[in-house]
C-alpha atoms as a PDB file:
ATOM      1  CA  MET A   1    -193.037 -22.625  -5.030  1.00  0.00           C
ATOM      2  CA  ALA A   2    -191.126 -22.801  -1.812  1.00  0.00           C
ATOM      3  CA  SER A   3    -188.375 -21.021  -1.230  1.00  0.00           C
ATOM      4  CA  SER A   4    -184.849 -23.324  -0.736  1.00  0.00           C
ATOM      5  CA  LYS A   5    -183.230 -23.380   2.541  1.00  0.00           C
ATOM      6  CA  GLU A   6    -179.739 -22.337   0.251  1.00  0.00           C
ATOM      7  CA  TYR A   7    -181.187 -19.120  -0.334  1.00  0.00           C
ATOM      8  CA  LEU A   8    -182.148 -18.738   3.036  1.00  0.00           C
ATOM      9  CA  ASP A   9    -178.666 -19.342   4.225  1.00  0.00           C
ATOM     10  CA  PHE A  10    -177.250 -17.155   1.414  1.00  0.00           C
ATOM     11  CA  ILE A  11    -179.716 -14.285   2.759  1.00  0.00           C
ATOM     12  CA  LEU A  12    -178.818 -14.947   6.795  1.00  0.00           C
ATOM     13  CA  GLU A  13    -174.795 -14.878   5.885  1.00  0.00           C
ATOM     14  CA  GLN A  14    -175.303 -11.436   3.976  1.00  0.00           C
ATOM     15  CA  LEU A  15    -177.128 -10.092   7.213  1.00  0.00           C
ATOM     16  CA  SER A  16    -174.506 -11.645   9.033  1.00  0.00           C
ATOM     17  CA  GLU A  17    -173.240  -8.420  10.369  1.00  0.00           C
ATOM     18  CA  LEU A  18    -176.156  -7.193  12.273  1.00  0.00           C
ATOM     19  CA  ASP A  19    -177.243  -8.975  16.099  1.00  0.00           C
ATOM     20  CA  ASP A  20    -180.666 -10.585  16.251  1.00  0.00           C
ATOM     21  CA  VAL A  21    -181.185 -11.610  12.882  1.00  0.00           C
ATOM     22  CA  THR A  22    -183.720 -14.486  13.050  1.00  0.00           C
ATOM     23  CA  TYR A  23    -186.356 -16.249  10.890  1.00  0.00           C
ATOM     24  CA  ARG A  24    -189.181 -18.530  11.194  1.00  0.00           C
ATOM     25  CA  ALA A  25    -190.413 -21.193   8.572  1.00  0.00           C
ATOM     26  CA  MET A  26    -193.624 -20.482   7.460  1.00  0.00           C
ATOM     27  CA  MET A  27    -195.725 -22.778   4.790  1.00  0.00           C
ATOM     28  CA  GLY A  28    -192.482 -23.485   2.588  1.00  0.00           C
ATOM     29  CA  GLU A  29    -191.716 -19.677   3.271  1.00  0.00           C
ATOM     30  CA  TYR A  30    -189.243 -17.753   5.716  1.00  0.00           C
ATOM     31  CA  ILE A  31    -190.079 -14.762   7.825  1.00  0.00           C
ATOM     32  CA  ILE A  32    -187.253 -12.514   8.763  1.00  0.00           C
ATOM     33  CA  TYR A  33    -187.169 -10.720  12.189  1.00  0.00           C
ATOM     34  CA  TYR A  34    -184.541  -7.946  13.018  1.00  0.00           C
ATOM     35  CA  ARG A  35    -184.229  -7.676  16.618  1.00  0.00           C
ATOM     36  CA  GLY A  36    -187.715  -9.088  17.291  1.00  0.00           C
ATOM     37  CA  LYS A  37    -189.993  -6.970  14.465  1.00  0.00           C
ATOM     38  CA  ILE A  38    -190.772  -8.357  11.268  1.00  0.00           C
ATOM     39  CA  VAL A  39    -188.549  -6.783   8.335  1.00  0.00           C
ATOM     40  CA  GLY A  40    -189.804  -8.699   5.684  1.00  0.00           C
ATOM     41  CA  GLY A  41    -189.452 -12.580   4.467  1.00  0.00           C
ATOM     42  CA  ILE A  42    -188.128 -14.834   1.591  1.00  0.00           C
ATOM     43  CA  TYR A  43    -190.549 -16.034  -0.537  1.00  0.00           C
ATOM     44  CA  ASP A  44    -190.146 -17.905  -3.971  1.00  0.00           C
ATOM     45  CA  ASP A  45    -186.548 -17.353  -3.238  1.00  0.00           C
ATOM     46  CA  ARG A  46    -186.994 -13.443  -3.411  1.00  0.00           C
ATOM     47  CA  PHE A  47    -185.970 -11.276  -0.601  1.00  0.00           C
ATOM     48  CA  LEU A  48    -188.968  -9.169  -0.187  1.00  0.00           C
ATOM     49  CA  VAL A  49    -188.952  -6.633   2.700  1.00  0.00           C
ATOM     50  CA  LYS A  50    -191.888  -4.224   4.050  1.00  0.00           C
ATOM     51  CA  PRO A  51    -192.514  -0.718   2.433  1.00  0.00           C
ATOM     52  CA  THR A  52    -191.360   1.676   5.159  1.00  0.00           C
ATOM     53  CA  LYS A  53    -190.508   4.916   4.483  1.00  0.00           C
ATOM     54  CA  SER A  54    -186.913   4.754   4.709  1.00  0.00           C
ATOM     55  CA  ALA A  55    -186.905   1.519   2.264  1.00  0.00           C
ATOM     56  CA  VAL A  56    -188.953   3.099  -0.067  1.00  0.00           C
ATOM     57  CA  GLU A  57    -186.350   6.313   0.107  1.00  0.00           C
ATOM     58  CA  MET A  58    -183.304   3.479  -0.189  1.00  0.00           C
ATOM     59  CA  MET A  59    -184.306   1.649  -2.804  1.00  0.00           C
ATOM     60  CA  SER A  60    -186.681   4.221  -5.103  1.00  0.00           C
ATOM     61  CA  ASN A  61    -186.711   1.984  -8.109  1.00  0.00           C
ATOM     62  CA  ALA A  62    -187.418  -1.055  -6.362  1.00  0.00           C
ATOM     63  CA  ASP A  63    -190.197  -3.028  -7.733  1.00  0.00           C
ATOM     64  CA  THR A  64    -193.556  -4.252  -5.826  1.00  0.00           C
ATOM     65  CA  GLU A  65    -194.269  -7.759  -5.314  1.00  0.00           C
ATOM     66  CA  LEU A  66    -196.585  -9.937  -3.659  1.00  0.00           C
ATOM     67  CA  PRO A  67    -195.333 -12.162  -1.522  1.00  0.00           C
ATOM     68  CA  TYR A  68    -198.323 -14.797  -1.825  1.00  0.00           C
ATOM     69  CA  ASP A  69    -201.921 -14.097  -2.990  1.00  0.00           C
ATOM     70  CA  GLY A  70    -203.744 -12.343  -0.650  1.00  0.00           C
ATOM     71  CA  ALA A  71    -200.763 -10.357   1.163  1.00  0.00           C
ATOM     72  CA  LYS A  72    -199.980  -6.829   0.978  1.00  0.00           C
ATOM     73  CA  GLU A  73    -197.340  -5.813  -1.464  1.00  0.00           C
ATOM     74  CA  MET A  74    -193.210  -5.891  -0.477  1.00  0.00           C
ATOM     75  CA  LEU A  75    -190.307  -4.689  -1.967  1.00  0.00           C
ATOM     76  CA  LEU A  76    -188.246  -6.577  -3.876  1.00  0.00           C
ATOM     77  CA  VAL A  77    -184.325  -6.502  -2.585  1.00  0.00           C
ATOM     78  CA  ASP A  78    -182.344  -6.566  -5.748  1.00  0.00           C
ATOM     79  CA  ASP A  79    -179.112  -5.753  -4.457  1.00  0.00           C
ATOM     80  CA  VAL A  80    -178.871  -8.828  -2.087  1.00  0.00           C
ATOM     81  CA  ASP A  81    -175.001  -9.083  -2.467  1.00  0.00           C
ATOM     82  CA  ASN A  82    -174.141  -6.062  -1.084  1.00  0.00           C
ATOM     83  CA  LYS A  83    -173.749  -6.507   2.609  1.00  0.00           C
ATOM     84  CA  ASP A  84    -173.715  -2.924   3.518  1.00  0.00           C
ATOM     85  CA  PHE A  85    -176.478  -1.787   1.973  1.00  0.00           C
ATOM     86  CA  LEU A  86    -178.541  -4.917   3.580  1.00  0.00           C
ATOM     87  CA  ARG A  87    -177.402  -3.422   6.992  1.00  0.00           C
ATOM     88  CA  GLU A  88    -178.457  -0.279   6.650  1.00  0.00           C
ATOM     89  CA  LEU A  89    -181.507  -0.785   5.323  1.00  0.00           C
ATOM     90  CA  LEU A  90    -182.578  -3.021   7.995  1.00  0.00           C
ATOM     91  CA  GLU A  91    -181.069  -0.802  10.592  1.00  0.00           C
ATOM     92  CA  ALA A  92    -183.101   2.216   8.871  1.00  0.00           C
ATOM     93  CA  MET A  93    -186.343   0.286   9.020  1.00  0.00           C
ATOM     94  CA  TYR A  94    -186.050  -0.815  12.388  1.00  0.00           C
ATOM     95  CA  GLU A  95    -187.674   2.145  13.943  1.00  0.00           C
ATOM     96  CA  GLU A  96    -190.392   2.506  11.732  1.00  0.00           C
ATOM     97  CA  LEU A  97    -191.359  -1.048  12.163  1.00  0.00           C
ATOM     98  CA  PRO A  98    -194.636  -2.024  14.313  1.00  0.00           C
ATOM     99  CA  ALA A  99    -193.492  -3.757  18.057  1.00  0.00           C
ATOM    100  CA  PRO A 100    -194.109  -7.500  17.809  1.00  0.00           C
ATOM    101  CA  LYS A 101    -197.779  -8.297  18.927  1.00  0.00           C
ATOM    102  CA  LYS A 102    -198.209  -9.803  22.505  1.00  0.00           C
ATOM    103  CA  LYS A 103    -199.080 -13.565  22.631  1.00  0.00           C
END
């Protein structure tokens, strides 16, 4: 099942307090970038983030889910209604994320 544009728009609005949040459509889903680094994505209308140390600490009870078959597990963000939490989460994750690969 592909993710809806409406859910993408909702998540982008929730992340609107952060500078430089972008997305890229990929096979009916959306990859979410923060300041050029991949933080996670929207898969089947679920906001999933990479399981960085800070994300695991901030969401210690989060479910781990597969974004698609064959992928690495990611953390399901349940508290998508809390803009402050989402801002803090992405800011905390940023330094732990790998730099974008050179093309």
